[in-house]
């Protein structure tokens, strides 16, 4: 199993038990992390957790349809590769869905080997593009500051906590910390805590001895042991169960652990990097996350900004990622139309870098002409221009940065008004932290209530 595919998450939405189980087993054997939903309701529940890298969905479901699942997910998390499985009578709908943003469709009965090859190709292109983002810690003072923080963290053997929305590049940052430090030639083991099966999580993390439970026919080394003296990356650590939080805390305090059913104490020598898109401080206050574990992992904290706060960098990121994707797909002469670049700056990017990579991947694969158009990147509809009031645009001599600041100031003032001055509610409605809101208010000279 390749390292590329070991981290790829796929959501299978299929109500046929025989086909669904067959897909789950085969895809797990191929190295995918699979969630299987049998209904539209189960799919919606699955999508409320860690976002999948790929969705493989039937069109017709007992309580809805795959199209609704796709559109609701796009609205919340941005474009993600979706492949529909369809019966012959639904091909017209499948073709329309491809025009509206789906990546492809397969007609039942389909060639499973060919489908697996397609899914692996998506995962490999995604991993390659994500790797290119490792060089993206430049272009603005904010992101350069993050780059310096990660570089310093790489040199210091202390736990690192990466915070930020889904798709902001937390795993890329974790690999950057690993590869920039003295452990770069040692193992890097990535674990998605949100995908650990509850009945196997203990064994997966700490290992087990033969015969330690029913079905344990051989010894198994857990992630803590596999990481050796390298780096253990615990993604989505906010999803860790209370019991595993206690066990992890004990490992961090003693630097020791035992395999399940074992009596031999083993040393934990790895460097720990954690990541989450959840507010762990709020979870501590609500009793959902242990305070002592929070203090242990929150030593060097780094918040990765969402893509919508890095709009100045989007054109250069777009160009670099398109070149990389086009080269991998044998389309090295592909260019980007100016209108496409402008559309990417206007888009809200709810899925952040993951959405950017997915849109580029799809556009490069399916573009008909010699240049990527705005429609190639946004098949569901090109983002419109942000509307500003006339007073903000009255001076034709205003620079682009002045107009952008004016629009941002206007939007923040309106959010504060709707929240009746509550910085917490305003920050939540804007999708940013209170610290980011306060920094923007300072920069844009918006007075805080306590400054009146």
Protein backbone atom coordinates (compact mmCIF):
# COMPACT_ATOMS: atom_id res chain seq x y z
CA UNK A 1 0.00 0.00 0.00
CA UNK A 2 1.43 3.36 -1.01
CA UNK A 3 1.90 6.23 1.40
CA UNK A 4 -0.14 8.41 -0.96
CA UNK A 5 -3.26 6.32 -0.71
CA UNK A 6 -2.95 5.49 3.01
CA UNK A 7 -4.20 8.97 3.84
CA UNK A 8 -7.00 9.30 1.26
CA UNK A 9 -10.55 9.39 2.68
CA UNK A 10 -13.44 8.20 0.53
CA UNK A 11 -17.17 8.30 1.29
CA UNK A 12 -19.15 5.56 -0.44
CA UNK A 13 -22.89 6.28 -0.66
CA UNK A 14 -24.69 3.12 -1.83
CA UNK A 15 -27.92 1.53 -0.55
CA UNK A 16 -27.30 -1.87 -2.18
CA UNK A 17 -25.77 -3.92 0.65
CA UNK A 18 -23.92 -6.36 -1.62
CA UNK A 19 -22.34 -3.66 -3.81
CA UNK A 20 -21.64 -1.36 -0.86
CA UNK A 21 -19.86 -4.07 1.14
CA UNK A 22 -17.89 -5.13 -1.95
CA UNK A 23 -16.74 -1.55 -2.56
CA UNK A 24 -15.84 -1.05 1.10
CA UNK A 25 -13.71 -4.19 1.27
CA UNK A 26 -11.92 -3.62 -2.04
CA UNK A 27 -11.17 0.07 -1.38
CA UNK A 28 -9.86 -0.68 2.11
CA UNK A 29 -7.56 -3.32 0.62
CA UNK A 30 -6.31 -0.65 -1.81
CA UNK A 31 -5.38 1.61 1.11
CA UNK A 32 -8.33 4.03 1.22
CA UNK A 33 -9.96 5.06 4.50
CA UNK A 34 -13.58 4.24 3.73
CA UNK A 35 -16.86 5.42 5.22
CA UNK A 36 -19.96 3.70 3.87
CA UNK A 37 -23.35 5.45 3.99
CA UNK A 38 -26.46 3.52 2.93
CA UNK A 39 -28.84 6.50 2.79
CA UNK A 40 -28.76 10.23 2.09
CA UNK A 41 -29.30 10.81 5.81
CA UNK A 42 -26.25 8.71 6.70
CA UNK A 43 -24.25 10.57 4.04
CA UNK A 44 -25.17 13.95 5.54
CA UNK A 45 -24.11 12.69 8.99
CA UNK A 46 -20.81 11.40 7.61
CA UNK A 47 -20.13 14.72 5.89
CA UNK A 48 -20.55 16.60 9.18
CA UNK A 49 -17.24 15.08 10.31
CA UNK A 50 -13.83 15.18 8.62
CA UNK A 51 -14.28 16.08 4.95
CA UNK A 52 -13.65 13.21 2.49
CA UNK A 53 -11.10 13.50 -0.30
CA UNK A 54 -13.42 11.70 -2.74
CA UNK A 55 -17.17 10.90 -2.82
CA UNK A 56 -18.39 7.79 -4.69
CA UNK A 57 -22.19 7.93 -4.71
CA UNK A 58 -25.23 6.28 -6.20
CA UNK A 59 -27.69 8.76 -7.71
CA UNK A 60 -30.89 7.16 -6.39
CA UNK A 61 -31.12 6.61 -2.63
CA UNK A 62 -34.00 5.40 -0.43
CA UNK A 63 -34.51 8.79 1.24
CA UNK A 64 -33.18 11.22 -1.37
CA UNK A 65 -30.55 11.37 -4.07
CA UNK A 66 -26.82 11.74 -4.54
CA UNK A 67 -27.25 15.07 -6.33
CA UNK A 68 -28.60 16.74 -3.16
CA UNK A 69 -25.75 15.25 -1.13
CA UNK A 70 -23.22 16.65 -3.62
CA UNK A 71 -24.71 20.14 -3.79
CA UNK A 72 -25.06 20.53 -0.01
CA UNK A 73 -21.48 19.37 0.47
CA UNK A 74 -20.20 21.78 -2.20
CA UNK A 75 -22.04 24.66 -0.48
CA UNK A 76 -20.39 23.89 2.87
CA UNK A 77 -16.93 22.63 1.93
CA UNK A 78 -16.36 23.54 -1.71
CA UNK A 79 -15.67 21.26 -4.63
CA UNK A 80 -14.49 17.72 -3.92
CA UNK A 81 -14.10 14.97 -6.55
CA UNK A 82 -17.48 13.20 -6.90
CA UNK A 83 -18.03 10.11 -9.05
CA UNK A 84 -21.61 8.93 -9.48
CA UNK A 85 -22.64 5.31 -9.94
CA UNK A 86 -25.71 5.19 -12.15
CA UNK A 87 -28.09 2.81 -13.82
CA UNK A 88 -28.62 3.11 -17.57
CA UNK A 89 -31.83 5.15 -17.17
CA UNK A 90 -30.05 7.87 -15.15
CA UNK A 91 -27.21 8.59 -17.59
CA UNK A 92 -28.72 11.90 -18.75
CA UNK A 93 -28.85 13.10 -15.15
CA UNK A 94 -25.28 11.89 -14.57
CA UNK A 95 -24.03 13.84 -17.60
CA UNK A 96 -25.77 16.98 -16.27
CA UNK A 97 -24.16 16.48 -12.86
CA UNK A 98 -20.71 16.30 -14.47
CA UNK A 99 -21.42 19.64 -16.14
CA UNK A 100 -22.45 21.00 -12.71
CA UNK A 101 -19.30 19.95 -10.88
CA UNK A 102 -19.12 16.17 -10.51
CA UNK A 103 -15.87 14.66 -11.76
CA UNK A 104 -17.26 11.64 -13.61
CA UNK A 105 -19.85 8.85 -13.61
CA UNK A 106 -19.76 5.08 -14.14
CA UNK A 107 -22.64 2.99 -15.44
CA UNK A 108 -23.66 -0.12 -13.52
CA UNK A 109 -22.41 -2.79 -13.83
CA UNK A 110 -18.94 -1.24 -13.96
CA UNK A 111 -15.36 -2.48 -14.11
CA UNK A 112 -14.19 -2.31 -10.49
CA UNK A 113 -10.49 -2.51 -11.40
CA UNK A 114 -10.83 0.47 -13.73
CA UNK A 115 -12.74 2.43 -11.05
CA UNK A 116 -9.98 1.70 -8.52
CA UNK A 117 -7.37 2.95 -11.00
CA UNK A 118 -9.36 6.17 -11.44
CA UNK A 119 -9.66 6.71 -7.67
CA UNK A 120 -5.95 6.04 -7.15
CA UNK A 121 -5.11 8.56 -9.88
CA UNK A 122 -7.22 11.20 -8.09
CA UNK A 123 -5.49 10.46 -4.79
CA UNK A 124 -2.00 10.61 -6.32
CA UNK A 125 -2.67 13.94 -8.06
CA UNK A 126 -4.14 15.34 -4.86
CA UNK A 127 -1.12 14.29 -2.82
CA UNK A 128 1.26 15.73 -5.41
CA UNK A 129 -0.54 19.06 -5.48
CA UNK A 130 -0.69 19.21 -1.69
CA UNK A 131 3.05 18.64 -1.58
CA UNK A 132 3.55 21.70 -3.79
CA UNK A 133 1.82 23.80 -1.13
CA UNK A 134 4.71 23.07 1.21
CA UNK A 135 6.58 25.88 -0.57
CA UNK A 136 3.72 28.34 -0.05
CA UNK A 137 4.93 30.02 3.15
CA UNK A 138 5.68 33.23 1.32
CA UNK A 139 3.77 35.99 -0.39
CA UNK A 140 2.38 37.96 2.54
CA UNK A 141 3.62 39.05 5.99
CA UNK A 142 1.05 36.83 7.73
CA UNK A 143 1.99 33.61 5.93
CA UNK A 144 5.72 34.38 6.13
CA UNK A 145 5.29 34.70 9.91
CA UNK A 146 3.70 31.25 9.95
CA UNK A 147 6.62 29.91 7.90
CA UNK A 148 9.08 31.32 10.46
CA UNK A 149 7.07 29.78 13.32
CA UNK A 150 7.09 26.37 11.64
CA UNK A 151 10.83 26.64 10.95
CA UNK A 152 11.56 27.44 14.60
CA UNK A 153 9.23 24.66 15.75
CA UNK A 154 11.15 22.18 13.60
CA UNK A 155 14.32 22.93 15.54
CA UNK A 156 12.71 22.63 19.00
CA UNK A 157 11.70 19.19 20.26
CA UNK A 158 8.34 20.24 21.73
CA UNK A 159 4.74 19.35 20.81
CA UNK A 160 3.20 21.44 18.02
CA UNK A 161 -0.52 22.19 17.71
CA UNK A 162 -1.81 23.25 14.28
CA UNK A 163 -5.16 25.03 14.25
CA UNK A 164 -7.36 26.07 11.36
CA UNK A 165 -10.36 25.25 9.25
CA UNK A 166 -10.66 22.05 7.24
CA UNK A 167 -8.49 22.20 4.14
CA UNK A 168 -6.07 24.93 5.28
CA UNK A 169 -3.03 22.67 4.90
CA UNK A 170 -2.47 21.38 8.43
CA UNK A 171 -0.96 18.07 7.29
CA UNK A 172 1.27 19.92 4.82
CA UNK A 173 2.44 22.11 7.73
CA UNK A 174 3.04 19.03 9.89
CA UNK A 175 5.18 17.43 7.18
CA UNK A 176 7.02 20.75 6.80
CA UNK A 177 7.88 20.69 10.52
CA UNK A 178 9.06 17.08 10.20
CA UNK A 179 11.16 17.56 7.07
CA UNK A 180 12.74 20.83 8.21
CA UNK A 181 14.01 19.30 11.45
CA UNK A 182 16.58 16.70 12.52
CA UNK A 183 14.03 13.84 12.28
CA UNK A 184 13.45 14.26 8.52
CA UNK A 185 14.98 10.89 7.63
CA UNK A 186 12.90 9.07 10.27
CA UNK A 187 9.25 7.91 9.95
CA UNK A 188 6.38 10.37 9.63
CA UNK A 189 3.16 8.62 10.71
CA UNK A 190 -0.13 10.44 10.09
CA UNK A 191 -3.24 9.35 12.00
CA UNK A 192 -6.76 10.66 11.43
CA UNK A 193 -8.26 10.43 14.91
CA UNK A 194 -11.74 11.01 13.51
CA UNK A 195 -11.49 7.86 11.40
CA UNK A 196 -10.29 5.48 14.14
CA UNK A 197 -12.89 2.69 14.65
CA UNK A 198 -13.93 2.77 18.30
CA UNK A 199 -13.38 -0.96 18.79
CA UNK A 200 -9.89 -0.92 17.24
CA UNK A 201 -8.60 2.54 18.19
CA UNK A 202 -6.61 1.32 21.21
CA UNK A 203 -4.92 -1.39 19.15
CA UNK A 204 -4.24 0.93 16.20
CA UNK A 205 -2.55 3.54 18.39
CA UNK A 206 -0.64 1.35 20.84
CA UNK A 207 -0.55 -2.08 19.21
CA UNK A 208 -1.56 -5.48 20.57
CA UNK A 209 -0.06 -8.85 21.36
CA UNK A 210 -1.20 -12.10 19.80
CA UNK A 211 -4.27 -13.47 21.57
CA UNK A 212 -4.99 -10.23 23.44
CA UNK A 213 -8.58 -10.26 22.12
CA UNK A 214 -10.79 -12.32 19.85
CA UNK A 215 -9.38 -12.19 16.34
CA UNK A 216 -5.88 -11.07 17.41
CA UNK A 217 -4.12 -13.89 15.57
CA UNK A 218 -0.79 -12.04 15.34
CA UNK A 219 1.18 -9.29 17.05
CA UNK A 220 0.49 -5.75 15.77
CA UNK A 221 2.68 -2.66 16.13
CA UNK A 222 0.62 0.48 16.74
CA UNK A 223 1.17 4.00 15.41
CA UNK A 224 3.12 5.04 18.51
CA UNK A 225 5.59 2.26 17.83
CA UNK A 226 5.66 2.69 14.04
CA UNK A 227 6.67 6.34 14.39
CA UNK A 228 9.86 5.31 16.22
CA UNK A 229 12.01 8.39 16.80
CA UNK A 230 10.31 10.25 13.96
CA UNK A 231 7.08 12.25 14.05
CA UNK A 232 3.60 11.14 15.09
CA UNK A 233 0.95 13.41 13.54
CA UNK A 234 -2.46 13.19 15.21
CA UNK A 235 -4.92 14.92 12.90
CA UNK A 236 -8.43 15.81 14.14
CA UNK A 237 -7.30 15.27 17.72
CA UNK A 238 -10.51 16.88 18.93
CA UNK A 239 -12.30 13.68 17.82
CA UNK A 240 -10.29 11.48 20.20
CA UNK A 241 -12.48 9.58 22.69
CA UNK A 242 -12.20 10.40 26.44
CA UNK A 243 -10.58 7.01 27.13
CA UNK A 244 -7.91 7.52 24.47
CA UNK A 245 -7.33 11.07 25.72
CA UNK A 246 -6.41 9.58 29.12
CA UNK A 247 -4.08 7.00 27.54
CA UNK A 248 -2.41 9.59 25.30
CA UNK A 249 -1.87 11.89 28.27
CA UNK A 250 -0.17 9.04 30.14
CA UNK A 251 2.11 8.38 27.16
CA UNK A 252 3.11 12.07 26.95
CA UNK A 253 3.77 12.28 30.66
CA UNK A 254 5.75 9.04 31.04
CA UNK A 255 7.01 8.67 27.43
CA UNK A 256 6.07 5.01 27.80
CA UNK A 257 3.29 2.68 26.60
CA UNK A 258 2.34 -0.98 26.41
CA UNK A 259 0.76 -2.96 23.62
CA UNK A 260 -2.76 -4.15 24.35
CA UNK A 261 -2.44 -7.45 26.25
CA UNK A 262 1.31 -6.98 26.69
CA UNK A 263 3.47 -6.67 29.82
CA UNK A 264 6.55 -5.08 28.27
CA UNK A 265 6.89 -1.31 28.67
CA UNK A 266 8.07 0.46 25.51
CA UNK A 267 9.52 3.92 25.05
CA UNK A 268 7.66 6.56 23.06
CA UNK A 269 10.42 8.50 21.31
CA UNK A 270 8.54 10.33 18.56
CA UNK A 271 7.96 14.04 18.19
CA UNK A 272 4.23 14.83 18.53
CA UNK A 273 2.36 17.16 16.16
CA UNK A 274 -1.41 17.56 16.56
CA UNK A 275 -4.03 19.32 14.45
CA UNK A 276 -7.69 20.21 14.74
CA UNK A 277 -10.34 22.39 13.17
CA UNK A 278 -12.26 22.49 16.45
CA UNK A 279 -12.03 24.99 19.29
CA UNK A 280 -10.26 22.86 21.90
CA UNK A 281 -10.34 25.64 24.49
CA UNK A 282 -14.15 25.72 24.25
CA UNK A 283 -14.25 21.92 24.39
CA UNK A 284 -12.19 22.03 27.60
CA UNK A 285 -14.64 24.51 29.12
CA UNK A 286 -17.56 22.25 28.11
CA UNK A 287 -15.87 19.07 29.39
CA UNK A 288 -15.37 17.53 25.94
CA UNK A 289 -11.56 17.61 26.04
CA UNK A 290 -9.20 17.07 28.97
CA UNK A 291 -7.60 20.27 30.24
CA UNK A 292 -4.38 18.50 31.24
CA UNK A 293 -4.02 17.02 27.74
CA UNK A 294 -4.78 20.44 26.23
CA UNK A 295 -1.88 21.93 28.22
CA UNK A 296 0.41 19.10 27.09
CA UNK A 297 -0.19 19.52 23.36
CA UNK A 298 -0.68 23.31 23.28
CA UNK A 299 3.02 24.19 23.63
CA UNK A 300 3.82 25.64 20.19
CA UNK A 301 0.52 26.63 18.57
CA UNK A 302 0.15 27.85 15.00
CA UNK A 303 -3.12 28.94 13.37
CA UNK A 304 -3.25 28.50 9.59
CA UNK A 305 -5.39 31.19 7.93
CA UNK A 306 -8.23 30.25 5.56
CA UNK A 307 -7.71 30.85 1.87
CA UNK A 308 -10.24 33.72 1.80
CA UNK A 309 -7.82 35.68 4.03
CA UNK A 310 -4.98 35.13 1.54
CA UNK A 311 -6.64 36.48 -1.61
CA UNK A 312 -3.52 38.37 -2.70
CA UNK A 313 -1.69 35.04 -2.95
CA UNK A 314 -4.38 33.11 -4.84
CA UNK A 315 -3.22 34.01 -8.41
CA UNK A 316 0.35 32.84 -7.74
CA UNK A 317 -0.90 29.67 -5.98
CA UNK A 318 -3.23 29.02 -8.90
CA UNK A 319 -0.44 29.38 -11.44
CA UNK A 320 1.97 27.11 -9.55
CA UNK A 321 -0.62 24.38 -8.93
CA UNK A 322 -1.93 24.44 -12.51
CA UNK A 323 1.61 23.98 -13.84
CA UNK A 324 2.18 21.05 -11.47
CA UNK A 325 -1.15 19.37 -12.30
CA UNK A 326 -0.78 19.95 -16.06
CA UNK A 327 2.72 18.46 -16.02
CA UNK A 328 1.50 15.34 -14.20
CA UNK A 329 -1.35 14.88 -16.67
CA UNK A 330 0.74 15.53 -19.78
CA UNK A 331 -0.79 18.93 -20.53
CA UNK A 332 2.24 21.09 -19.90
CA UNK A 333 1.20 23.78 -22.40
CA UNK A 334 -2.04 24.63 -20.57
CA UNK A 335 -2.50 28.31 -19.58
CA UNK A 336 -5.03 30.23 -17.46
CA UNK A 337 -7.40 32.87 -18.77
CA UNK A 338 -7.36 36.22 -16.86
CA UNK A 339 -11.09 35.87 -16.15
CA UNK A 340 -10.38 32.56 -14.41
CA UNK A 341 -7.80 34.20 -12.16
CA UNK A 342 -10.24 36.98 -11.29
CA UNK A 343 -12.95 34.46 -10.46
CA UNK A 344 -10.67 32.63 -8.02
CA UNK A 345 -10.05 35.87 -6.13
CA UNK A 346 -13.82 36.51 -5.85
CA UNK A 347 -14.70 32.99 -4.69
CA UNK A 348 -15.26 32.39 -0.95
CA UNK A 349 -13.26 29.09 -0.78
CA UNK A 350 -15.21 27.27 1.95
CA UNK A 351 -13.00 24.21 1.32
CA UNK A 352 -9.76 26.23 1.43
CA UNK A 353 -6.64 24.69 -0.18
CA UNK A 354 -8.28 21.29 -0.54
CA UNK A 355 -11.01 22.89 -2.65
CA UNK A 356 -8.42 24.83 -4.67
CA UNK A 357 -6.54 21.63 -5.45
CA UNK A 358 -9.73 19.77 -6.35
CA UNK A 359 -10.96 22.53 -8.68
CA UNK A 360 -7.58 22.72 -10.42
CA UNK A 361 -7.38 18.93 -10.70
CA UNK A 362 -10.80 18.78 -12.34
CA UNK A 363 -10.23 21.79 -14.60
CA UNK A 364 -6.89 20.51 -15.90
CA UNK A 365 -8.32 17.05 -16.55
CA UNK A 366 -11.45 18.24 -18.37
CA UNK A 367 -10.53 21.58 -20.02
CA UNK A 368 -11.27 21.44 -23.75
CA UNK A 369 -9.18 24.38 -24.95
CA UNK A 370 -5.55 25.49 -24.57
CA UNK A 371 -6.41 27.61 -21.52
CA UNK A 372 -8.36 27.02 -18.31
CA UNK A 373 -11.49 29.16 -18.22
CA UNK A 374 -13.52 30.43 -15.29
CA UNK A 375 -16.23 27.92 -16.29
CA UNK A 376 -13.67 25.08 -16.09
CA UNK A 377 -12.88 26.03 -12.50
CA UNK A 378 -16.46 26.84 -11.47
CA UNK A 379 -18.82 24.59 -13.44
CA UNK A 380 -21.61 25.28 -10.94
CA UNK A 381 -21.50 29.01 -11.73
CA UNK A 382 -18.73 31.63 -11.88
CA UNK A 383 -18.58 33.75 -8.69
CA UNK A 384 -19.98 37.25 -9.19
CA UNK A 385 -18.23 40.49 -8.27
CA UNK A 386 -18.53 41.67 -4.67
CA UNK A 387 -21.04 44.50 -4.53
CA UNK A 388 -19.83 47.71 -2.86
CA UNK A 389 -21.83 50.81 -2.04
CA UNK A 390 -21.33 53.84 -4.31
CA UNK A 391 -19.49 55.96 -1.70
CA UNK A 392 -16.74 53.31 -1.52
CA UNK A 393 -16.26 53.44 -5.31
CA UNK A 394 -16.73 57.17 -5.75
CA UNK A 395 -13.03 57.95 -6.12
CA UNK A 396 -11.78 56.40 -9.38
CA UNK A 397 -8.21 57.01 -8.23
CA UNK A 398 -8.49 54.54 -5.35
CA UNK A 399 -5.97 51.71 -5.40
CA UNK A 400 -7.11 48.08 -5.42
CA UNK A 401 -5.89 47.60 -1.83
CA UNK A 402 -7.84 50.69 -0.68
CA UNK A 403 -11.04 49.39 -2.27
CA UNK A 404 -10.47 45.92 -0.76
CA UNK A 405 -9.87 47.39 2.71
CA UNK A 406 -12.99 49.55 2.37
CA UNK A 407 -15.08 46.50 1.45
CA UNK A 408 -13.63 44.48 4.33
CA UNK A 409 -14.21 47.32 6.78
CA UNK A 410 -17.81 47.72 5.58
CA UNK A 411 -18.43 43.97 5.96
CA UNK A 412 -16.97 43.82 9.49
CA UNK A 413 -18.93 46.88 10.66
CA UNK A 414 -22.13 45.29 9.31
CA UNK A 415 -21.33 41.99 11.09
CA UNK A 416 -20.72 43.81 14.37
CA UNK A 417 -24.02 45.65 13.96
CA UNK A 418 -25.91 42.41 13.35
CA UNK A 419 -24.23 40.88 16.42
CA UNK A 420 -25.11 43.98 18.49
CA UNK A 421 -21.45 44.58 19.22
CA UNK A 422 -20.64 41.01 20.30
CA UNK A 423 -17.15 40.23 19.01
CA UNK A 424 -17.69 36.51 19.57
CA UNK A 425 -20.88 36.35 17.46
CA UNK A 426 -19.44 38.66 14.79
CA UNK A 427 -16.29 36.53 14.49
CA UNK A 428 -18.37 33.35 14.18
CA UNK A 429 -20.56 34.87 11.46
CA UNK A 430 -17.43 35.97 9.56
CA UNK A 431 -15.79 32.57 9.95
CA UNK A 432 -12.70 33.92 11.76
CA UNK A 433 -11.35 33.83 15.31
CA UNK A 434 -11.85 36.70 17.73
CA UNK A 435 -8.11 37.35 17.68
CA UNK A 436 -8.20 37.71 13.89
CA UNK A 437 -11.26 39.98 14.16
CA UNK A 438 -9.52 42.23 16.69
CA UNK A 439 -6.41 42.43 14.50
CA UNK A 440 -8.50 43.41 11.48
CA UNK A 441 -10.40 46.00 13.56
CA UNK A 442 -7.10 47.49 14.67
CA UNK A 443 -5.71 47.59 11.14
CA UNK A 444 -8.90 49.02 9.65
CA UNK A 445 -9.35 51.48 12.54
CA UNK A 446 -12.68 50.09 13.72
CA UNK A 447 -13.14 51.04 17.36
CA UNK A 448 -13.91 48.34 19.91
CA UNK A 449 -16.68 49.01 22.41
CA UNK A 450 -14.20 49.06 25.28
CA UNK A 451 -12.29 51.87 23.54
CA UNK A 452 -15.22 54.28 23.47
